[in-house]
Amino acid sequence: MSSRTSAGSSILVSPASSRQASDSRNRDNRKTRYTNQVIRETFVELMKKQPIEKTTVTQICELADISRGTFYLHYRDVYDLLSCMENEVLADLERQLTLQSDTLGDDYSGNPDFWLGILHLLLERKDIARLLLANPHSSFMSKCLALNRAFSDELCEGMFPELSPRERDYLHCFYEHGSASIISLWVREGFVEPPEQIAELLAALNSKSCQSSGV
């Protein structure tokens, strides 16, 4: 009897204990998110003043008031931190591209709404966007172009069946790098114009270039 009672009670958790465990996990999660946010904000502020080669884990820890051990719980080094920030923005961009292309159909690059969604995404993350596009060590723009290619390859083949694969590659380069350069300039120079103006420009240039090329 005593043995069964003991065994039975060992698998029971009181509501109070359960709440305490849940509260503890929530506090840990909030602390982790807060620490990660502080690390990133400190990194961005440092990168506004100096290149990544001169930015060290020690500097981040001193300014963020955390230990090196705490930093290494989150990232291997400053380059890993930059890569993680890149990948998160790219994931958001991929979701935006999927949504916009599904909603707008085949001629999405000639629609200002397509570009406006992307520009708003970058504007909402303006400090990180400027950091990524201004940093020569960042592969952000090349990853953006590769992401766009994944969306536009099949579309381009369907729209221009008379072109050879090589010609379509050139066409991709023309549109991708031209649009990317405009967006990069807008971001690097501080989002001077409203996103609606840049979206209209990008849509018009893509549409007119396609028409004038005769393809």
Protein backbone atom coordinates (compact mmCIF):
# COMPACT_ATOMS: atom_id res chain seq x y z
CA MET A 1 0.00 0.00 0.00
CA SER A 2 2.72 2.39 1.01
CA SER A 3 4.80 1.43 -2.00
CA ARG A 4 1.92 2.01 -4.43
CA THR A 5 1.12 5.36 -2.88
CA SER A 6 4.73 6.46 -3.13
CA ALA A 7 5.04 5.35 -6.74
CA GLY A 8 1.76 6.97 -7.67
CA SER A 9 2.62 10.26 -6.02
CA SER A 10 5.95 10.41 -7.80
CA ILE A 11 4.31 10.85 -11.18
CA LEU A 12 1.88 13.51 -10.04
CA VAL A 13 2.75 17.19 -10.41
CA SER A 14 0.81 19.74 -8.44
CA PRO A 15 -0.74 22.67 -10.31
CA ALA A 16 1.49 25.05 -8.34
CA SER A 17 4.65 23.19 -9.35
CA SER A 18 3.54 23.14 -12.97
CA ARG A 19 2.91 26.88 -12.93
CA GLN A 20 6.30 27.53 -11.36
CA ALA A 21 8.05 25.47 -14.04
CA SER A 22 6.13 27.26 -16.78
CA ASP A 23 6.92 30.67 -15.27
CA SER A 24 10.57 29.75 -15.06
CA ARG A 25 10.68 28.72 -18.72
CA ASN A 26 8.95 31.92 -19.75
CA ARG A 27 11.43 34.01 -17.78
CA ASP A 28 14.31 32.13 -19.38
CA ASN A 29 12.84 32.66 -22.84
CA ARG A 30 12.30 36.36 -22.21
CA LYS A 31 15.84 36.71 -20.89
CA THR A 32 17.25 34.87 -23.92
CA ARG A 33 15.31 37.06 -26.35
CA TYR A 34 16.35 40.20 -24.49
CA THR A 35 20.01 39.21 -24.45
CA ASN A 36 19.93 38.36 -28.15
CA GLN A 37 18.31 41.70 -28.92
CA VAL A 38 20.94 43.59 -26.93
CA ILE A 39 23.76 41.74 -28.70
CA ARG A 40 22.33 42.60 -32.11
CA GLU A 41 21.60 46.22 -31.31
CA THR A 42 25.12 46.67 -29.94
CA PHE A 43 26.62 45.02 -33.01
CA VAL A 44 24.65 47.29 -35.36
CA GLU A 45 25.76 50.40 -33.45
CA LEU A 46 29.40 49.32 -33.63
CA MET A 47 29.13 48.56 -37.33
CA LYS A 48 27.88 52.09 -37.98
CA LYS A 49 31.26 53.35 -36.80
CA GLN A 50 33.73 50.71 -37.95
CA PRO A 51 34.12 47.74 -40.34
CA ILE A 52 33.48 44.22 -39.16
CA GLU A 53 37.22 43.41 -39.19
CA LYS A 54 37.65 45.83 -36.30
CA THR A 55 34.54 44.71 -34.44
CA THR A 56 35.27 42.18 -31.73
CA VAL A 57 33.30 40.01 -29.37
CA THR A 58 35.00 41.82 -26.48
CA GLN A 59 33.69 45.18 -27.70
CA ILE A 60 30.17 43.85 -28.01
CA CYS A 61 30.28 42.29 -24.55
CA GLU A 62 31.62 45.43 -22.89
CA LEU A 63 29.02 47.70 -24.49
CA ALA A 64 26.16 45.23 -23.99
CA ASP A 65 27.28 44.51 -20.43
CA ILE A 66 27.33 40.76 -20.90
CA SER A 67 30.02 38.12 -20.49
CA ARG A 68 31.84 36.50 -23.38
CA GLY A 69 30.33 33.20 -22.32
CA THR A 70 26.85 34.67 -22.75
CA PHE A 71 27.74 35.87 -26.25
CA TYR A 72 29.05 32.43 -27.24
CA LEU A 73 25.80 30.84 -26.11
CA HIS A 74 24.23 32.66 -29.06
CA TYR A 75 26.93 33.01 -31.74
CA ARG A 76 30.34 31.63 -32.66
CA ASP A 77 31.81 35.03 -33.60
CA VAL A 78 30.84 38.36 -35.18
CA TYR A 79 30.68 36.79 -38.65
CA ASP A 80 28.24 34.16 -37.43
CA LEU A 81 26.15 36.97 -35.91
CA LEU A 82 26.12 38.82 -39.24
CA SER A 83 25.19 35.62 -41.10
CA CYS A 84 22.29 34.91 -38.73
CA MET A 85 20.95 38.41 -39.24
CA GLU A 86 21.25 38.01 -43.01
CA ASN A 87 19.42 34.70 -43.02
CA GLU A 88 16.52 36.02 -40.94
CA VAL A 89 15.97 38.96 -43.29
CA LEU A 90 16.25 36.61 -46.28
CA ALA A 91 13.65 34.29 -44.75
CA ASP A 92 11.29 37.25 -44.35
CA LEU A 93 12.03 38.30 -47.92
CA GLU A 94 11.32 34.80 -49.24
CA ARG A 95 7.93 34.80 -47.49
CA GLN A 96 7.21 38.21 -49.00
CA LEU A 97 8.20 37.08 -52.50
CA THR A 98 6.03 33.97 -52.19
CA LEU A 99 3.04 36.00 -51.04
CA GLN A 100 3.43 38.68 -53.68
CA SER A 101 4.08 36.39 -56.64
CA ASP A 102 1.12 34.17 -55.68
CA THR A 103 -1.14 37.19 -55.31
CA LEU A 104 -0.04 39.24 -58.31
CA GLY A 105 0.48 36.54 -60.91
CA ASP A 106 2.99 36.36 -63.76
CA ASP A 107 3.59 40.08 -64.29
CA TYR A 108 4.56 40.78 -60.70
CA SER A 109 7.80 42.64 -61.50
CA GLY A 110 5.80 45.26 -63.40
CA ASN A 111 3.44 45.81 -60.48
CA PRO A 112 4.35 48.50 -57.92
CA ASP A 113 2.64 46.50 -55.16
CA PHE A 114 5.21 43.74 -55.58
CA TRP A 115 8.13 46.11 -55.00
CA LEU A 116 6.31 48.00 -52.27
CA GLY A 117 6.05 44.86 -50.13
CA ILE A 118 9.80 44.31 -50.38
CA LEU A 119 10.67 47.95 -49.74
CA HIS A 120 8.44 48.11 -46.66
CA LEU A 121 10.13 44.99 -45.32
CA LEU A 122 13.56 46.64 -45.68
CA LEU A 123 12.28 49.89 -44.21
CA GLU A 124 10.93 48.10 -41.15
CA ARG A 125 14.43 46.66 -40.63
CA LYS A 126 16.29 49.73 -41.82
CA ASP A 127 19.27 49.53 -39.45
CA ILE A 128 19.97 45.91 -40.33
CA ALA A 129 19.29 46.52 -44.04
CA ARG A 130 21.78 49.39 -44.19
CA LEU A 131 24.33 47.32 -42.31
CA LEU A 132 23.98 44.38 -44.69
CA LEU A 133 24.05 46.43 -47.88
CA ALA A 134 26.90 48.72 -46.81
CA ASN A 135 29.16 45.93 -45.59
CA PRO A 136 31.42 44.54 -48.36
CA HIS A 137 31.75 41.25 -46.48
CA SER A 138 28.02 40.67 -46.49
CA SER A 139 26.68 38.27 -49.10
CA PHE A 140 23.18 39.63 -48.58
CA MET A 141 22.61 41.06 -52.05
CA SER A 142 23.99 38.03 -53.87
CA LYS A 143 21.67 35.85 -51.77
CA CYS A 144 18.75 38.14 -52.63
CA LEU A 145 19.51 37.76 -56.33
CA ALA A 146 19.73 33.99 -56.01
CA LEU A 147 16.41 33.97 -54.16
CA ASN A 148 14.76 36.04 -56.85
CA ARG A 149 16.18 33.76 -59.54
CA ALA A 150 14.52 30.78 -57.89
CA PHE A 151 11.18 32.55 -58.26
CA SER A 152 11.67 33.94 -61.76
CA ASP A 153 13.41 31.14 -63.69
CA GLU A 154 10.28 29.21 -64.62
CA LEU A 155 8.33 32.39 -65.21
CA CYS A 156 10.97 33.76 -67.58
CA GLU A 157 11.07 30.53 -69.56
CA GLY A 158 7.30 30.60 -69.99
CA MET A 159 7.20 34.28 -71.01
CA PHE A 160 10.15 34.12 -73.44
CA PRO A 161 10.20 30.61 -74.96
CA GLU A 162 11.98 31.94 -78.07
CA LEU A 163 15.08 32.83 -76.06
CA SER A 164 17.91 30.39 -75.51
CA PRO A 165 18.88 29.52 -71.90
CA ARG A 166 21.95 31.72 -72.32
CA GLU A 167 19.87 34.67 -73.47
CA ARG A 168 17.52 34.19 -70.55
CA ASP A 169 20.53 34.27 -68.21
CA TYR A 170 21.48 37.66 -69.63
CA LEU A 171 17.92 38.86 -69.26
CA HIS A 172 17.90 37.76 -65.62
CA CYS A 173 21.15 39.61 -64.96
CA PHE A 174 19.81 42.78 -66.54
CA TYR A 175 16.64 42.87 -64.46
CA GLU A 176 18.07 41.52 -61.22
CA HIS A 177 21.18 43.64 -60.95
CA GLY A 178 19.45 46.80 -62.16
CA SER A 179 16.64 46.48 -59.62
CA ALA A 180 19.03 45.42 -56.86
CA SER A 181 21.26 48.44 -57.49
CA ILE A 182 18.34 50.84 -57.20
CA ILE A 183 17.18 49.24 -53.95
CA SER A 184 20.74 49.20 -52.56
CA LEU A 185 21.22 52.88 -53.34
CA TRP A 186 17.91 53.76 -51.70
CA VAL A 187 18.83 51.82 -48.55
CA ARG A 188 22.45 53.03 -48.29
CA GLU A 189 21.49 56.67 -48.71
CA GLY A 190 18.96 56.50 -45.92
CA PHE A 191 15.56 55.79 -47.50
CA VAL A 192 15.29 59.38 -48.75
CA GLU A 193 12.34 58.88 -51.08
CA PRO A 194 9.08 57.30 -49.91
CA PRO A 195 8.89 53.59 -50.74
CA GLU A 196 5.87 54.20 -52.99
CA GLN A 197 8.02 56.36 -55.29
CA ILE A 198 10.75 53.75 -55.58
CA ALA A 199 8.17 51.00 -56.14
CA GLU A 200 6.63 52.94 -59.03
CA LEU A 201 10.09 53.51 -60.52
CA LEU A 202 11.07 49.85 -60.31
CA ALA A 203 7.79 48.67 -61.80
CA ALA A 204 7.99 51.17 -64.66
CA LEU A 205 11.61 50.35 -65.48
CA ASN A 206 10.96 46.62 -65.49
CA SER A 207 7.89 46.95 -67.70
CA LYS A 208 9.43 49.45 -70.16
CA SER A 209 12.69 47.56 -70.43
CA CYS A 210 10.86 44.36 -71.23
CA GLN A 211 8.74 46.07 -73.92
CA SER A 212 11.62 47.94 -75.54
CA SER A 213 13.81 44.86 -75.66
CA GLY A 214 11.42 43.26 -78.10
CA VAL A 215 11.23 40.03 -76.17
